Amino acid sequence: MPRRLIGVLWLAILALAPPTDAAAQTSGVTIAVFRFGNAGVYGGTRDTAEARRLRIGTMLASELEMQPGIRSIHPRQTWAAMGPDSISREKWRRGRRIDAGTAARVAGELGAQYAVTGSFVDHFGRLRVNAQLVDVRRGAIVRAFTNDDPSLQRRDDLPEIVRLQAERIAKAVTTSDE
């Protein structure tokens, strides 16, 4: 076969092929995920609480990436975009979550349509994770998510709690954009 014909056939195959996951996600919704605040730890160590507070946002960003039509911005990127002297960074260091206004501003600068902030409470092994979905255009919390299922509140349930919250967040942003 002539080379030109082979080239044309390859172009035709590529044009008819379904989009890859990466191509599909770039046209979807972008969510900036922030580090979660520590609203209280009772019956645990400070080091464990600090690790958990850093891990929740990272886990959520990873779970959101697995949802169809969602692209997430990692907490490391949102943290860096806030700037080293940010008042919000200092509030977060004291255990508070990032406020909706700051989340909307930073997420908007990063090209996201939504932001997710949140906090957690660990009360002697019972874990409550609260996430707030912020609409970047409005700069306001549009929906809150929590693990209200009594069977999913142990520390060991954290991966499942985060997975379910990611699914709920993805459903909320994809249905609101239709």
N, C-alpha and C. Protein backbone atom coordinates (compact mmCIF):
# COMPACT_ATOMS: atom_id res chain seq x y z
N MET A 1 0.84 -1.19 0.00
CA MET A 1 0.00 0.00 0.00
C MET A 1 0.89 1.25 0.00
N PRO A 2 0.48 2.23 -0.71
CA PRO A 2 1.25 3.47 -0.70
C PRO A 2 1.19 4.12 0.69
N ARG A 3 2.27 4.79 1.04
CA ARG A 3 2.36 5.43 2.36
C ARG A 3 1.24 6.44 2.59
N ARG A 4 0.89 7.16 1.58
CA ARG A 4 -0.14 8.19 1.73
C ARG A 4 -1.47 7.54 2.10
N LEU A 5 -1.81 6.41 1.50
CA LEU A 5 -3.06 5.71 1.80
C LEU A 5 -3.06 5.20 3.24
N ILE A 6 -1.93 4.69 3.69
CA ILE A 6 -1.82 4.21 5.07
C ILE A 6 -2.01 5.38 6.03
N GLY A 7 -1.41 6.50 5.73
CA GLY A 7 -1.56 7.70 6.57
C GLY A 7 -3.01 8.15 6.64
N VAL A 8 -3.69 8.13 5.52
CA VAL A 8 -5.10 8.53 5.48
C VAL A 8 -5.96 7.56 6.28
N LEU A 9 -5.67 6.26 6.17
CA LEU A 9 -6.41 5.26 6.95
C LEU A 9 -6.21 5.48 8.45
N TRP A 10 -4.99 5.75 8.87
CA TRP A 10 -4.74 6.01 10.30
C TRP A 10 -5.49 7.24 10.77
N LEU A 11 -5.49 8.28 9.98
CA LEU A 11 -6.24 9.49 10.36
C LEU A 11 -7.72 9.19 10.48
N ALA A 12 -8.25 8.39 9.58
CA ALA A 12 -9.67 8.03 9.65
C ALA A 12 -9.97 7.22 10.90
N ILE A 13 -9.09 6.29 11.24
CA ILE A 13 -9.29 5.48 12.44
C ILE A 13 -9.25 6.36 13.69
N LEU A 14 -8.28 7.27 13.74
CA LEU A 14 -8.17 8.15 14.90
C LEU A 14 -9.38 9.08 15.02
N ALA A 15 -9.87 9.56 13.90
CA ALA A 15 -11.03 10.46 13.92
C ALA A 15 -12.29 9.74 14.39
N LEU A 16 -12.41 8.47 14.09
CA LEU A 16 -13.60 7.72 14.48
C LEU A 16 -13.51 7.09 15.86
N ALA A 17 -12.32 7.07 16.43
CA ALA A 17 -12.13 6.44 17.75
C ALA A 17 -12.79 7.28 18.83
N PRO A 18 -13.33 6.63 19.85
CA PRO A 18 -13.91 7.39 20.96
C PRO A 18 -12.83 8.17 21.69
N PRO A 19 -13.19 9.28 22.33
CA PRO A 19 -12.18 10.07 23.02
C PRO A 19 -11.60 9.30 24.20
N THR A 20 -10.34 9.56 24.49
CA THR A 20 -9.71 8.92 25.64
C THR A 20 -10.23 9.57 26.91
N ASP A 21 -9.95 8.94 28.05
CA ASP A 21 -10.37 9.51 29.33
C ASP A 21 -9.81 10.92 29.52
N ALA A 22 -8.55 11.12 29.15
CA ALA A 22 -7.93 12.44 29.32
C ALA A 22 -8.64 13.47 28.47
N ALA A 23 -8.98 13.12 27.23
CA ALA A 23 -9.68 14.06 26.37
C ALA A 23 -11.07 14.35 26.89
N ALA A 24 -11.75 13.35 27.41
CA ALA A 24 -13.09 13.55 27.95
C ALA A 24 -13.06 14.41 29.19
N GLN A 25 -12.04 14.25 30.03
CA GLN A 25 -11.98 15.00 31.26
C GLN A 25 -11.63 16.46 31.05
N THR A 26 -10.89 16.78 30.01
CA THR A 26 -10.54 18.18 29.79
C THR A 26 -11.76 19.00 29.42
N SER A 27 -12.80 18.36 28.90
CA SER A 27 -14.00 19.10 28.54
C SER A 27 -15.04 19.07 29.66
N GLY A 28 -14.73 18.45 30.78
CA GLY A 28 -15.67 18.33 31.88
C GLY A 28 -15.56 19.46 32.88
N VAL A 29 -15.90 19.16 34.10
CA VAL A 29 -15.91 20.12 35.19
C VAL A 29 -14.59 20.02 35.94
N THR A 30 -14.03 21.17 36.30
CA THR A 30 -12.80 21.19 37.08
C THR A 30 -13.12 21.62 38.50
N ILE A 31 -12.62 20.83 39.45
CA ILE A 31 -12.85 21.08 40.87
C ILE A 31 -11.51 21.23 41.57
N ALA A 32 -11.32 22.36 42.25
CA ALA A 32 -10.11 22.57 43.05
C ALA A 32 -10.38 22.06 44.46
N VAL A 33 -9.53 21.17 44.93
CA VAL A 33 -9.70 20.59 46.26
C VAL A 33 -8.68 21.22 47.21
N PHE A 34 -9.16 21.66 48.35
CA PHE A 34 -8.31 22.29 49.35
C PHE A 34 -8.03 21.33 50.50
N ARG A 35 -7.01 21.62 51.26
CA ARG A 35 -6.71 20.83 52.45
C ARG A 35 -7.86 20.98 53.44
N PHE A 36 -8.16 19.90 54.15
CA PHE A 36 -9.25 19.91 55.11
C PHE A 36 -8.75 20.40 56.47
N GLY A 37 -9.64 21.06 57.20
CA GLY A 37 -9.30 21.55 58.53
C GLY A 37 -9.61 20.51 59.59
N ASN A 38 -8.99 20.67 60.75
CA ASN A 38 -9.20 19.79 61.89
C ASN A 38 -10.15 20.50 62.85
N ALA A 39 -11.39 20.04 62.92
CA ALA A 39 -12.37 20.66 63.81
C ALA A 39 -12.37 20.04 65.20
N GLY A 40 -11.52 19.09 65.44
CA GLY A 40 -11.41 18.50 66.77
C GLY A 40 -11.02 17.04 66.72
N VAL A 41 -10.05 16.69 67.54
CA VAL A 41 -9.63 15.29 67.67
C VAL A 41 -9.61 14.96 69.14
N TYR A 42 -10.39 13.97 69.51
CA TYR A 42 -10.48 13.53 70.89
C TYR A 42 -10.13 12.05 70.93
N GLY A 43 -9.17 11.69 71.73
CA GLY A 43 -8.78 10.29 71.83
C GLY A 43 -7.78 9.86 70.78
N GLY A 44 -7.04 10.79 70.21
CA GLY A 44 -6.03 10.46 69.21
C GLY A 44 -4.81 11.34 69.41
N THR A 45 -3.75 11.06 68.68
CA THR A 45 -2.54 11.86 68.80
C THR A 45 -2.55 13.01 67.81
N ARG A 46 -1.80 14.02 68.12
CA ARG A 46 -1.70 15.20 67.25
C ARG A 46 -1.10 14.83 65.89
N ASP A 47 -0.09 13.96 65.91
CA ASP A 47 0.56 13.56 64.65
C ASP A 47 -0.41 12.82 63.73
N THR A 48 -1.20 11.94 64.31
CA THR A 48 -2.18 11.19 63.51
C THR A 48 -3.22 12.13 62.93
N ALA A 49 -3.67 13.08 63.74
CA ALA A 49 -4.66 14.05 63.26
C ALA A 49 -4.09 14.90 62.14
N GLU A 50 -2.84 15.31 62.28
CA GLU A 50 -2.20 16.13 61.24
C GLU A 50 -2.08 15.36 59.93
N ALA A 51 -1.69 14.11 60.03
CA ALA A 51 -1.58 13.27 58.83
C ALA A 51 -2.95 13.09 58.17
N ARG A 52 -3.97 12.88 58.98
CA ARG A 52 -5.32 12.69 58.44
C ARG A 52 -5.80 13.96 57.76
N ARG A 53 -5.51 15.08 58.35
CA ARG A 53 -5.98 16.36 57.79
C ARG A 53 -5.32 16.64 56.45
N LEU A 54 -4.07 16.23 56.29
CA LEU A 54 -3.40 16.38 55.00
C LEU A 54 -3.90 15.35 53.99
N ARG A 55 -4.24 14.17 54.48
CA ARG A 55 -4.59 13.06 53.59
C ARG A 55 -6.00 13.16 53.01
N ILE A 56 -6.94 13.69 53.74
CA ILE A 56 -8.33 13.68 53.28
C ILE A 56 -8.49 14.42 51.95
N GLY A 57 -7.94 15.62 51.84
CA GLY A 57 -8.05 16.36 50.58
C GLY A 57 -7.38 15.66 49.42
N THR A 58 -6.23 15.06 49.69
CA THR A 58 -5.51 14.32 48.66
C THR A 58 -6.31 13.12 48.18
N MET A 59 -6.88 12.39 49.13
CA MET A 59 -7.71 11.23 48.77
C MET A 59 -8.92 11.67 47.96
N LEU A 60 -9.54 12.77 48.37
CA LEU A 60 -10.73 13.25 47.67
C LEU A 60 -10.39 13.67 46.24
N ALA A 61 -9.28 14.36 46.06
CA ALA A 61 -8.86 14.77 44.71
C ALA A 61 -8.65 13.55 43.82
N SER A 62 -8.03 12.51 44.36
CA SER A 62 -7.80 11.29 43.59
C SER A 62 -9.11 10.60 43.24
N GLU A 63 -10.02 10.53 44.19
CA GLU A 63 -11.32 9.90 43.93
C GLU A 63 -12.13 10.70 42.91
N LEU A 64 -12.05 12.02 42.97
CA LEU A 64 -12.78 12.84 41.99
C LEU A 64 -12.24 12.62 40.59
N GLU A 65 -10.92 12.46 40.47
CA GLU A 65 -10.32 12.20 39.16
C GLU A 65 -10.87 10.93 38.52
N MET A 66 -11.30 9.99 39.34
CA MET A 66 -11.83 8.72 38.81
C MET A 66 -13.28 8.84 38.36
N GLN A 67 -13.92 9.96 38.66
CA GLN A 67 -15.31 10.16 38.26
C GLN A 67 -15.34 10.68 36.82
N PRO A 68 -16.25 10.16 36.00
CA PRO A 68 -16.31 10.60 34.59
C PRO A 68 -16.66 12.09 34.48
N GLY A 69 -15.93 12.79 33.63
CA GLY A 69 -16.20 14.19 33.36
C GLY A 69 -15.68 15.14 34.42
N ILE A 70 -14.85 14.65 35.34
CA ILE A 70 -14.32 15.50 36.41
C ILE A 70 -12.81 15.56 36.31
N ARG A 71 -12.29 16.75 36.45
CA ARG A 71 -10.85 16.96 36.56
C ARG A 71 -10.64 17.67 37.89
N SER A 72 -9.71 17.19 38.69
CA SER A 72 -9.49 17.83 39.99
C SER A 72 -8.13 18.51 40.03
N ILE A 73 -8.08 19.55 40.83
CA ILE A 73 -6.82 20.24 41.10
C ILE A 73 -6.41 19.83 42.51
N HIS A 74 -5.25 19.28 42.63
CA HIS A 74 -4.74 18.69 43.88
C HIS A 74 -4.57 19.75 44.98
N PRO A 75 -4.79 19.36 46.23
CA PRO A 75 -4.60 20.31 47.34
C PRO A 75 -3.21 20.95 47.39
N ARG A 76 -2.21 20.24 46.94
CA ARG A 76 -0.85 20.81 46.91
C ARG A 76 -0.83 22.05 46.00
N GLN A 77 -1.55 21.98 44.87
CA GLN A 77 -1.59 23.11 43.94
C GLN A 77 -2.40 24.27 44.51
N THR A 78 -3.52 23.97 45.16
CA THR A 78 -4.33 25.06 45.73
C THR A 78 -3.59 25.72 46.88
N TRP A 79 -2.86 24.93 47.66
CA TRP A 79 -2.07 25.46 48.78
C TRP A 79 -1.00 26.41 48.25
N ALA A 80 -0.30 26.01 47.20
CA ALA A 80 0.75 26.84 46.62
C ALA A 80 0.16 28.12 46.02
N ALA A 81 -1.02 28.03 45.43
CA ALA A 81 -1.64 29.20 44.80
C ALA A 81 -2.12 30.23 45.83
N MET A 82 -2.35 29.79 47.08
CA MET A 82 -2.79 30.74 48.11
C MET A 82 -1.68 31.70 48.51
N GLY A 83 -0.44 31.33 48.29
CA GLY A 83 0.68 32.20 48.65
C GLY A 83 1.16 31.92 50.06
N PRO A 84 2.44 32.12 50.29
CA PRO A 84 3.04 31.77 51.59
C PRO A 84 2.58 32.63 52.76
N ASP A 85 2.14 33.85 52.51
CA ASP A 85 1.75 34.74 53.60
C ASP A 85 0.24 34.89 53.72
N SER A 86 -0.49 33.97 53.18
CA SER A 86 -1.94 34.04 53.17
C SER A 86 -2.53 33.92 54.58
N ILE A 87 -3.51 34.77 54.89
CA ILE A 87 -4.23 34.69 56.16
C ILE A 87 -4.96 33.36 56.24
N SER A 88 -5.50 32.89 55.12
CA SER A 88 -6.21 31.61 55.10
C SER A 88 -5.30 30.46 55.46
N ARG A 89 -4.05 30.53 55.02
CA ARG A 89 -3.08 29.48 55.38
C ARG A 89 -2.90 29.44 56.89
N GLU A 90 -2.81 30.61 57.49
CA GLU A 90 -2.61 30.68 58.94
C GLU A 90 -3.84 30.14 59.67
N LYS A 91 -5.03 30.48 59.19
CA LYS A 91 -6.26 29.94 59.80
C LYS A 91 -6.28 28.42 59.69
N TRP A 92 -5.87 27.89 58.52
CA TRP A 92 -5.85 26.45 58.33
C TRP A 92 -4.88 25.80 59.30
N ARG A 93 -3.73 26.42 59.51
CA ARG A 93 -2.75 25.87 60.45
C ARG A 93 -3.33 25.76 61.85
N ARG A 94 -4.27 26.65 62.19
CA ARG A 94 -4.91 26.61 63.51
C ARG A 94 -6.10 25.65 63.53
N GLY A 95 -6.32 24.91 62.43
CA GLY A 95 -7.35 23.87 62.42
C GLY A 95 -8.61 24.22 61.66
N ARG A 96 -8.74 25.44 61.22
CA ARG A 96 -9.97 25.82 60.52
C ARG A 96 -9.91 25.43 59.05
N ARG A 97 -11.10 25.32 58.45
CA ARG A 97 -11.14 25.04 57.01
C ARG A 97 -10.95 26.35 56.25
N ILE A 98 -10.67 26.23 54.98
CA ILE A 98 -10.52 27.39 54.11
C ILE A 98 -11.92 27.95 53.86
N ASP A 99 -12.09 29.28 53.98
CA ASP A 99 -13.42 29.87 53.79
C ASP A 99 -13.81 29.89 52.31
N ALA A 100 -15.11 30.01 52.06
CA ALA A 100 -15.67 29.93 50.70
C ALA A 100 -15.12 31.03 49.79
N GLY A 101 -14.97 32.23 50.30
CA GLY A 101 -14.47 33.34 49.48
C GLY A 101 -13.05 33.09 48.99
N THR A 102 -12.19 32.66 49.90
CA THR A 102 -10.80 32.36 49.52
C THR A 102 -10.76 31.19 48.56
N ALA A 103 -11.54 30.16 48.85
CA ALA A 103 -11.57 28.98 47.97
C ALA A 103 -12.02 29.37 46.57
N ALA A 104 -13.05 30.21 46.47
CA ALA A 104 -13.55 30.64 45.15
C ALA A 104 -12.50 31.46 44.41
N ARG A 105 -11.83 32.37 45.11
CA ARG A 105 -10.82 33.21 44.47
C ARG A 105 -9.66 32.36 43.94
N VAL A 106 -9.12 31.49 44.78
CA VAL A 106 -7.97 30.67 44.38
C VAL A 106 -8.36 29.68 43.29
N ALA A 107 -9.52 29.03 43.44
CA ALA A 107 -9.98 28.07 42.43
C ALA A 107 -10.20 28.76 41.09
N GLY A 108 -10.76 29.97 41.12
CA GLY A 108 -10.95 30.72 39.89
C GLY A 108 -9.64 31.04 39.20
N GLU A 109 -8.62 31.40 39.99
CA GLU A 109 -7.30 31.68 39.43
C GLU A 109 -6.70 30.43 38.78
N LEU A 110 -7.07 29.27 39.30
CA LEU A 110 -6.56 28.01 38.76
C LEU A 110 -7.43 27.45 37.63
N GLY A 111 -8.51 28.14 37.28
CA GLY A 111 -9.35 27.72 36.17
C GLY A 111 -10.44 26.73 36.53
N ALA A 112 -10.75 26.60 37.80
CA ALA A 112 -11.79 25.65 38.23
C ALA A 112 -13.16 26.31 38.27
N GLN A 113 -14.20 25.50 38.07
CA GLN A 113 -15.57 26.00 38.21
C GLN A 113 -16.08 25.83 39.63
N TYR A 114 -15.52 24.86 40.35
CA TYR A 114 -15.93 24.58 41.73
C TYR A 114 -14.71 24.39 42.60
N ALA A 115 -14.93 24.54 43.91
CA ALA A 115 -13.90 24.26 44.90
C ALA A 115 -14.53 23.39 45.98
N VAL A 116 -13.69 22.60 46.63
CA VAL A 116 -14.15 21.80 47.77
C VAL A 116 -13.26 22.11 48.96
N THR A 117 -13.89 22.56 50.04
CA THR A 117 -13.20 22.76 51.30
C THR A 117 -13.85 21.83 52.31
N GLY A 118 -13.28 21.73 53.48
CA GLY A 118 -13.93 20.88 54.46
C GLY A 118 -13.17 20.77 55.75
N SER A 119 -13.71 19.95 56.63
CA SER A 119 -13.10 19.70 57.93
C SER A 119 -13.49 18.31 58.40
N PHE A 120 -12.84 17.87 59.46
CA PHE A 120 -13.18 16.58 60.03
C PHE A 120 -13.13 16.66 61.55
N VAL A 121 -13.87 15.78 62.18
CA VAL A 121 -13.85 15.64 63.63
C VAL A 121 -13.63 14.16 63.93
N ASP A 122 -12.71 13.89 64.82
CA ASP A 122 -12.44 12.52 65.25
C ASP A 122 -12.75 12.46 66.75
N HIS A 123 -13.82 11.78 67.11
CA HIS A 123 -14.24 11.69 68.51
C HIS A 123 -14.09 10.26 68.98
N PHE A 124 -12.92 9.96 69.55
CA PHE A 124 -12.61 8.63 70.06
C PHE A 124 -12.86 7.53 69.03
N GLY A 125 -12.37 7.78 67.81
CA GLY A 125 -12.46 6.78 66.75
C GLY A 125 -13.65 6.92 65.82
N ARG A 126 -14.62 7.75 66.20
CA ARG A 126 -15.76 8.02 65.30
C ARG A 126 -15.41 9.24 64.47
N LEU A 127 -15.38 9.05 63.18
CA LEU A 127 -14.90 10.09 62.26
C LEU A 127 -16.06 10.72 61.51
N ARG A 128 -16.08 12.03 61.51
CA ARG A 128 -17.08 12.76 60.73
C ARG A 128 -16.32 13.68 59.77
N VAL A 129 -16.58 13.51 58.49
CA VAL A 129 -15.92 14.31 57.46
C VAL A 129 -16.97 15.18 56.78
N ASN A 130 -16.75 16.48 56.82
CA ASN A 130 -17.67 17.44 56.21
C ASN A 130 -16.98 18.11 55.04
N ALA A 131 -17.64 18.13 53.89
CA ALA A 131 -17.09 18.79 52.70
C ALA A 131 -18.10 19.81 52.21
N GLN A 132 -17.60 20.96 51.78
CA GLN A 132 -18.46 22.00 51.23
C GLN A 132 -18.08 22.25 49.78
N LEU A 133 -19.08 22.25 48.92
CA LEU A 133 -18.90 22.52 47.50
C LEU A 133 -19.14 24.00 47.26
N VAL A 134 -18.14 24.68 46.73
CA VAL A 134 -18.21 26.12 46.51
C VAL A 134 -18.31 26.39 45.00
N ASP A 135 -19.31 27.18 44.61
CA ASP A 135 -19.44 27.62 43.22
C ASP A 135 -18.51 28.82 43.05
N VAL A 136 -17.54 28.70 42.16
CA VAL A 136 -16.53 29.75 42.00
C VAL A 136 -17.15 31.06 41.51
N ARG A 137 -18.12 30.98 40.60
CA ARG A 137 -18.74 32.21 40.08
C ARG A 137 -19.46 33.00 41.16
N ARG A 138 -20.16 32.29 42.03
CA ARG A 138 -20.92 32.96 43.10
C ARG A 138 -20.09 33.20 44.35
N GLY A 139 -19.03 32.43 44.52
CA GLY A 139 -18.21 32.57 45.72
C GLY A 139 -18.92 32.10 46.98
N ALA A 140 -19.85 31.17 46.81
CA ALA A 140 -20.65 30.72 47.94
C ALA A 140 -20.74 29.19 47.97
N ILE A 141 -20.97 28.67 49.17
CA ILE A 141 -21.18 27.24 49.33
C ILE A 141 -22.55 26.90 48.74
N VAL A 142 -22.57 25.95 47.82
CA VAL A 142 -23.84 25.56 47.20
C VAL A 142 -24.36 24.22 47.72
N ARG A 143 -23.48 23.44 48.34
CA ARG A 143 -23.91 22.15 48.86
C ARG A 143 -22.92 21.67 49.90
N ALA A 144 -23.41 20.97 50.91
CA ALA A 144 -22.54 20.39 51.94
C ALA A 144 -22.74 18.88 51.95
N PHE A 145 -21.68 18.16 52.21
CA PHE A 145 -21.70 16.70 52.22
C PHE A 145 -21.09 16.22 53.54
N THR A 146 -21.67 15.20 54.10
CA THR A 146 -21.13 14.61 55.32
C THR A 146 -21.38 13.12 55.32
N ASN A 147 -20.63 12.40 56.10
CA ASN A 147 -20.84 10.96 56.21
C ASN A 147 -21.84 10.70 57.33
N ASP A 148 -23.10 10.78 56.99
CA ASP A 148 -24.15 10.61 58.00
C ASP A 148 -24.61 9.16 58.16
N ASP A 149 -24.01 8.25 57.42
CA ASP A 149 -24.33 6.82 57.56
C ASP A 149 -23.65 6.29 58.83
N PRO A 150 -24.41 5.83 59.83
CA PRO A 150 -23.80 5.37 61.08
C PRO A 150 -22.84 4.18 60.90
N SER A 151 -22.99 3.43 59.83
CA SER A 151 -22.10 2.28 59.62
C SER A 151 -20.77 2.70 59.00
N LEU A 152 -20.64 3.97 58.60
CA LEU A 152 -19.40 4.47 57.99
C LEU A 152 -18.85 5.65 58.80
N GLN A 153 -18.46 5.39 60.04
CA GLN A 153 -17.93 6.48 60.84
C GLN A 153 -16.68 6.11 61.62
N ARG A 154 -16.15 4.93 61.41
CA ARG A 154 -14.91 4.53 62.08
C ARG A 154 -13.71 5.09 61.30
N ARG A 155 -12.61 5.27 62.00
CA ARG A 155 -11.39 5.76 61.34
C ARG A 155 -11.00 4.87 60.16
N ASP A 156 -11.20 3.58 60.32
CA ASP A 156 -10.85 2.64 59.25
C ASP A 156 -11.72 2.80 58.01
N ASP A 157 -12.85 3.47 58.14
CA ASP A 157 -13.77 3.67 57.02
C ASP A 157 -13.41 4.88 56.17
N LEU A 158 -12.35 5.59 56.51
CA LEU A 158 -12.01 6.83 55.80
C LEU A 158 -11.96 6.67 54.27
N PRO A 159 -11.30 5.65 53.72
CA PRO A 159 -11.30 5.54 52.25
C PRO A 159 -12.70 5.43 51.64
N GLU A 160 -13.58 4.68 52.28
CA GLU A 160 -14.95 4.52 51.78
C GLU A 160 -15.74 5.82 51.96
N ILE A 161 -15.54 6.51 53.06
CA ILE A 161 -16.21 7.79 53.30
C ILE A 161 -15.84 8.77 52.20
N VAL A 162 -14.56 8.88 51.90
CA VAL A 162 -14.08 9.81 50.88
C VAL A 162 -14.59 9.40 49.50
N ARG A 163 -14.59 8.11 49.19
CA ARG A 163 -15.08 7.64 47.89
C ARG A 163 -16.55 8.03 47.70
N LEU A 164 -17.37 7.81 48.72
CA LEU A 164 -18.79 8.16 48.62
C LEU A 164 -19.00 9.66 48.48
N GLN A 165 -18.21 10.44 49.20
CA GLN A 165 -18.33 11.90 49.06
C GLN A 165 -17.92 12.36 47.67
N ALA A 166 -16.89 11.74 47.11
CA ALA A 166 -16.47 12.09 45.74
C ALA A 166 -17.59 11.79 44.75
N GLU A 167 -18.24 10.66 44.91
CA GLU A 167 -19.36 10.32 44.02
C GLU A 167 -20.49 11.34 44.15
N ARG A 168 -20.81 11.73 45.38
CA ARG A 168 -21.88 12.71 45.60
C ARG A 168 -21.52 14.07 45.01
N ILE A 169 -20.28 14.48 45.21
CA ILE A 169 -19.83 15.77 44.67
C ILE A 169 -19.88 15.74 43.15
N ALA A 170 -19.38 14.67 42.54
CA ALA A 170 -19.39 14.54 41.08
C ALA A 170 -20.81 14.59 40.54
N LYS A 171 -21.72 13.90 41.21
CA LYS A 171 -23.12 13.91 40.78
C LYS A 171 -23.72 15.31 40.90
N ALA A 172 -23.38 16.01 41.97
CA ALA A 172 -23.91 17.37 42.17
C ALA A 172 -23.43 18.34 41.10
N VAL A 173 -22.15 18.27 40.72
CA VAL A 173 -21.63 19.23 39.74
C VAL A 173 -22.03 18.86 38.33
N THR A 174 -22.17 17.58 38.04
CA THR A 174 -22.55 17.20 36.67
C THR A 174 -24.03 17.40 36.42
N THR A 175 -24.87 17.22 37.43
CA THR A 175 -26.30 17.47 37.23
C THR A 175 -26.63 18.95 37.23
N SER A 176 -25.84 19.78 37.94
CA SER A 176 -26.12 21.20 37.97
C SER A 176 -25.67 21.90 36.70
N ASP A 177 -24.75 21.27 35.93
CA ASP A 177 -24.25 21.87 34.69
C ASP A 177 -25.07 21.49 33.47
N GLU A 178 -26.00 20.57 33.62
CA GLU A 178 -26.77 20.12 32.46
C GLU A 178 -27.91 21.06 32.15
